[in-house]
Protein backbone atom coordinates (compact mmCIF):
# COMPACT_ATOMS: atom_id res chain seq x y z
CA MET A 1 -54.01 -26.28 28.09
CA SER A 2 -52.45 -26.19 31.56
CA GLY A 3 -48.87 -27.23 32.00
CA ARG A 4 -49.86 -30.27 34.35
CA ASP A 5 -50.60 -32.49 31.52
CA ALA A 6 -49.91 -30.39 28.29
CA TYR A 7 -47.85 -33.65 27.12
CA ALA A 8 -50.49 -36.22 27.39
CA THR A 9 -53.08 -37.06 24.91
CA ARG A 10 -56.60 -35.93 25.44
CA ILE A 11 -58.99 -37.76 23.22
CA ILE A 12 -62.61 -39.47 23.59
CA ARG A 13 -62.59 -42.96 23.26
CA GLY A 14 -65.93 -45.03 23.41
CA VAL A 15 -68.56 -47.05 21.86
CA PHE A 16 -70.44 -45.01 19.30
CA THR A 17 -72.46 -45.17 16.12
CA ASP A 18 -73.18 -42.42 13.63
CA THR A 19 -76.00 -41.35 16.03
CA THR A 20 -75.33 -42.34 19.42
CA ILE A 21 -72.48 -42.71 22.12
CA ARG A 22 -72.25 -45.08 25.20
CA VAL A 23 -71.40 -43.67 28.79
CA TYR A 24 -71.33 -45.43 31.97
CA GLN A 25 -72.50 -44.69 35.67
CA ALA A 26 -72.88 -46.92 38.64
CA TYR A 27 -75.71 -46.80 41.11
CA ASN A 28 -77.52 -48.76 44.06
CA ASN A 29 -80.25 -51.22 43.21
CA GLU A 30 -83.08 -49.08 43.41
CA ILE A 31 -82.02 -46.18 41.28
CA ALA A 32 -80.80 -48.83 38.84
CA ASP A 33 -84.08 -50.76 38.68
CA ALA A 34 -86.18 -47.53 38.30
CA ALA A 35 -83.98 -46.24 35.53
CA LEU A 36 -84.01 -49.52 33.65
CA LYS A 37 -87.85 -49.70 33.94
CA ALA A 38 -88.56 -46.23 32.85
CA GLN A 39 -85.51 -45.85 30.45
CA THR A 40 -84.58 -42.65 31.87
CA PHE A 41 -83.58 -41.57 35.26
CA VAL A 42 -86.46 -41.21 37.84
CA GLU A 43 -86.85 -41.15 41.57
CA PRO A 44 -84.90 -41.99 43.78
CA TRP A 45 -82.12 -40.82 41.36
CA LYS A 46 -81.62 -37.12 42.39
CA SER A 47 -81.53 -34.49 39.59
CA THR A 48 -80.12 -32.07 42.26
CA ARG A 49 -76.81 -33.70 42.31
CA THR A 50 -74.03 -33.70 39.89
CA THR A 51 -73.87 -36.82 37.78
CA TRP A 52 -70.39 -37.97 36.37
CA ILE A 53 -70.68 -39.96 33.13
CA LYS A 54 -67.68 -41.72 31.41
CA PRO A 55 -67.22 -43.18 27.95
CA SER A 56 -64.37 -45.38 29.09
CA MET A 57 -65.58 -48.86 30.22
CA ILE A 58 -62.25 -49.52 32.13
CA TRP A 59 -62.37 -46.31 34.04
CA MET A 60 -65.83 -47.06 35.23
CA GLY A 61 -64.76 -50.29 36.09
CA TYR A 62 -61.87 -48.78 38.24
CA ARG A 63 -64.00 -46.12 39.79
CA CYS A 64 -66.81 -48.66 40.93
CA GLY A 65 -64.68 -51.64 41.45
CA TRP A 66 -66.42 -53.48 38.76
CA GLY A 67 -69.61 -53.28 40.83
CA HIS A 68 -67.82 -54.49 44.01
CA LYS A 69 -66.89 -51.08 45.66
CA ASP A 70 -69.96 -50.48 47.94
CA LYS A 71 -73.79 -50.73 47.71
CA ASN A 72 -74.26 -47.36 46.06
CA GLN A 73 -72.04 -48.54 43.01
CA LYS A 74 -73.03 -52.23 42.79
CA ARG A 75 -75.13 -51.71 39.54
CA VAL A 76 -73.39 -50.51 36.24
CA LEU A 77 -75.42 -48.97 33.71
CA ALA A 78 -74.53 -48.12 30.10
CA ILE A 79 -76.48 -45.17 28.79
CA ASP A 80 -76.71 -44.71 25.13
CA MET A 81 -77.08 -41.13 24.25
CA ASN A 82 -78.00 -38.97 21.13
CA LEU A 83 -74.60 -38.11 19.91
CA GLU A 84 -75.68 -34.58 18.78
CA GLY A 85 -76.83 -34.33 22.54
CA PHE A 86 -73.71 -35.33 23.79
CA TYR A 87 -71.95 -32.63 21.74
CA THR A 88 -74.52 -30.07 23.05
CA LEU A 89 -73.65 -30.99 26.69
CA VAL A 90 -70.05 -30.95 26.29
CA LYS A 91 -70.18 -27.48 24.32
CA MET A 92 -71.67 -26.27 27.93
CA ALA A 93 -68.65 -27.45 29.67
CA SER A 94 -65.67 -25.78 31.31
CA VAL A 95 -62.52 -27.77 31.65
CA HIS A 96 -61.62 -28.53 35.38
CA GLU A 97 -57.95 -27.76 36.20
CA GLY A 98 -57.82 -28.42 39.83
CA SER A 99 -59.92 -25.56 40.93
CA SER A 100 -62.90 -25.91 43.25
CA LEU A 101 -65.86 -27.44 41.19
CA LYS A 102 -68.36 -25.48 43.43
CA ALA A 103 -66.85 -22.27 42.18
CA ASP A 104 -67.30 -23.29 38.57
CA LYS A 105 -70.50 -21.58 37.18
CA ASN A 106 -70.80 -23.79 34.04
CA PRO A 107 -73.75 -26.31 34.03
CA VAL A 108 -71.17 -29.15 32.70
CA VAL A 109 -67.69 -29.74 33.87
CA VAL A 110 -65.14 -31.70 32.07
CA GLN A 111 -62.00 -33.12 33.66
CA TRP A 112 -59.39 -35.47 32.11
CA ASP A 113 -58.06 -38.21 34.63
CA PRO A 114 -55.38 -40.67 33.82
CA GLU A 115 -56.73 -43.47 31.58
CA ARG A 116 -56.52 -47.12 33.12
CA LEU A 117 -55.49 -50.52 31.66
CA LEU A 118 -56.06 -53.88 33.20
CA SER A 119 -52.76 -54.58 35.13
CA GLU A 120 -50.92 -57.94 35.47
CA SER A 121 -49.86 -56.93 39.07
CA TYR A 122 -53.47 -57.89 39.88
CA ASP A 123 -53.70 -55.24 42.56
CA ALA A 124 -57.51 -55.46 44.08
CA SER A 125 -57.08 -51.98 45.77
CA GLU A 126 -56.71 -50.34 42.07
CA SER A 127 -59.57 -52.42 40.84
CA TYR A 128 -56.90 -54.61 38.90
CA THR A 129 -56.07 -51.65 36.79
CA GLU A 130 -53.09 -49.24 36.61
CA LYS A 131 -52.81 -45.61 35.48
CA GLN A 132 -51.58 -44.52 31.88
CA PRO A 133 -50.52 -40.99 32.91
CA LEU A 134 -49.63 -39.90 29.30
CA THR A 135 -53.03 -41.03 27.98
CA ARG A 136 -56.24 -38.94 29.56
CA SER A 137 -59.74 -40.10 29.98
CA ILE A 138 -62.72 -37.79 29.91
CA GLN A 139 -65.03 -37.56 32.86
CA ILE A 140 -68.08 -35.52 32.19
CA GLY A 141 -69.86 -33.85 35.30
CA ILE A 142 -73.55 -32.89 34.61
CA LYS A 143 -74.76 -30.53 37.15
CA PRO A 144 -78.49 -29.79 38.11
CA GLY A 145 -78.82 -27.02 35.49
CA ALA A 146 -78.13 -29.65 32.72
CA THR A 147 -79.78 -32.67 33.95
CA ASP A 148 -82.94 -32.18 31.95
CA LEU A 149 -80.97 -31.73 28.74
CA PHE A 150 -78.98 -35.14 29.81
CA GLN A 151 -82.28 -36.85 30.21
CA LYS A 152 -83.72 -35.53 27.23
CA HIS A 153 -80.87 -37.26 24.93
CA ILE A 154 -81.04 -40.55 26.58
CA VAL A 155 -81.75 -43.30 23.88
CA ALA A 156 -81.55 -46.48 25.96
CA ILE A 157 -80.22 -47.72 29.42
CA THR A 158 -78.82 -51.24 29.74
CA ASP A 159 -77.65 -53.12 32.81
CA VAL A 160 -74.19 -54.30 32.11
CA THR A 161 -73.49 -55.29 35.81
CA GLU A 162 -72.81 -58.94 34.88
CA THR A 163 -70.12 -58.19 32.58
CA PHE A 164 -68.46 -55.70 34.96
CA ASN A 165 -68.68 -58.74 37.59
CA ALA A 166 -67.49 -61.25 35.30
CA ILE A 167 -64.39 -59.03 34.50
CA TYR A 168 -63.69 -58.69 38.30
CA THR A 169 -63.90 -62.43 38.80
CA LEU A 170 -61.53 -63.11 35.99
CA MET A 171 -58.98 -60.56 37.32
CA GLU A 172 -59.33 -62.27 40.61
CA GLN A 173 -58.35 -65.49 39.02
CA LYS A 174 -55.49 -63.80 37.14
CA ASP A 175 -56.88 -64.28 33.65
CA ILE A 176 -56.27 -61.01 32.15
CA ASP A 177 -56.77 -62.29 28.64
CA GLY A 178 -60.24 -63.55 29.49
CA ALA A 179 -60.96 -60.20 31.16
CA LYS A 180 -59.68 -58.25 28.08
CA ALA A 181 -61.92 -60.32 25.91
CA LEU A 182 -65.04 -58.81 27.96
CA LEU A 183 -63.86 -55.17 27.41
CA ALA A 184 -65.83 -53.12 25.10
CA ASP A 185 -64.26 -52.26 21.52
CA GLU A 186 -63.82 -48.54 22.12
CA GLN A 187 -62.50 -46.36 19.36
CA LYS A 188 -61.41 -42.77 19.09
CA LEU A 189 -64.38 -40.56 18.66
CA PRO A 190 -64.18 -38.00 15.85
CA VAL A 191 -65.19 -34.56 17.22
CA PRO A 192 -66.07 -31.28 15.67
CA GLU A 193 -63.18 -28.70 15.64
CA ASP A 194 -64.93 -26.30 18.15
CA VAL A 195 -65.34 -29.02 20.54
CA TYR A 196 -61.81 -30.17 20.29
CA GLU A 197 -60.53 -26.71 20.98
CA LEU A 198 -63.07 -26.15 23.88
CA LEU A 199 -62.13 -29.32 25.71
CA HIS A 200 -58.44 -28.76 25.20
CA MET A 201 -58.05 -32.07 23.48
CA SER A 202 -54.65 -33.39 22.00
CA SER A 203 -54.19 -36.47 19.83
CA GLU A 204 -50.33 -36.70 20.30
CA ILE A 205 -48.11 -37.16 23.17
CA LYS A 206 -45.60 -34.21 23.10
CA LYS A 207 -41.95 -34.29 23.99
CA ARG A 208 -40.13 -31.94 26.19
CA PRO A 209 -37.91 -29.69 24.34
CA SER A 210 -34.15 -30.80 24.28
CA ALA A 211 -32.27 -29.88 27.55
CA GLU A 212 -28.97 -29.14 25.62
CA SER A 213 -27.84 -27.02 28.66
CA SER A 214 -28.87 -29.43 31.32
CA VAL A 215 -26.42 -31.70 33.09
CA GLY A 216 -25.66 -34.71 31.00
CA GLY A 217 -25.58 -32.65 27.68
CA ALA A 218 -27.82 -32.91 24.63
CA GLU A 219 -29.74 -35.97 25.19
CA ALA A 220 -33.16 -37.17 23.29
CA ALA A 221 -36.01 -35.15 25.32
CA ALA A 222 -37.95 -37.55 27.84
CA GLU A 223 -41.57 -37.72 28.04
CA ALA A 224 -42.84 -35.24 30.72
CA PRO A 225 -44.19 -36.43 33.98
CA VAL A 226 -47.88 -36.01 34.55
CA ALA A 227 -49.85 -34.62 37.55
CA GLU A 228 -52.48 -37.09 38.27
CA VAL A 229 -55.72 -35.43 39.55
CA GLU A 230 -58.68 -37.66 40.28
CA THR A 231 -61.38 -35.70 41.92
CA SER A 232 -64.64 -36.92 40.13
CA THR A 233 -67.12 -39.04 41.96
CA THR A 234 -69.75 -41.52 40.46
């Protein structure tokens, strides 16, 4: 694991069953309507582009502005995937640590961005969220070489735009409790040990070693600051 966030938790949270896991993506009306009708991704969706999926509902809300960012992220889709297929995809991944995505040869790329929470600062420019730098949220980029495999493991596609729009409206009205009530009940996903190691996962926030020789003497170690890299696109 790189030093930039060696002190942050990296676990997968989401809505899942024994056989499926839900991920999110936002699209324009044309792509969303076609996908909902076919229950898979078809034209005008382009398999030649990297597709970023996210198990975190609130991170999807942040990225697409709860469906209000622009016309190309107006519709939010919940994609239920076969869980074994999800694991197959992430086993093909490399963990992106700040180098060029284009230079990465793996068909799937994973990056860990700061998780978000709904914020009582009610800042619309941050999609009414705030960063949680000591908690990382997984983003999975599926490159053209893996899109067929991704599609093969789609179980269902559901339009959840109405819920996302409702959260936005409630936050506009400064009703954070009402907005929280609409968030999905996301839990920690148990993952196979090989996936845990491959994705550089960590379930505990680590502390810096005691700085006995530093100015101020022997004090309790502080939580390390975490560099924040957010380079994924929807």
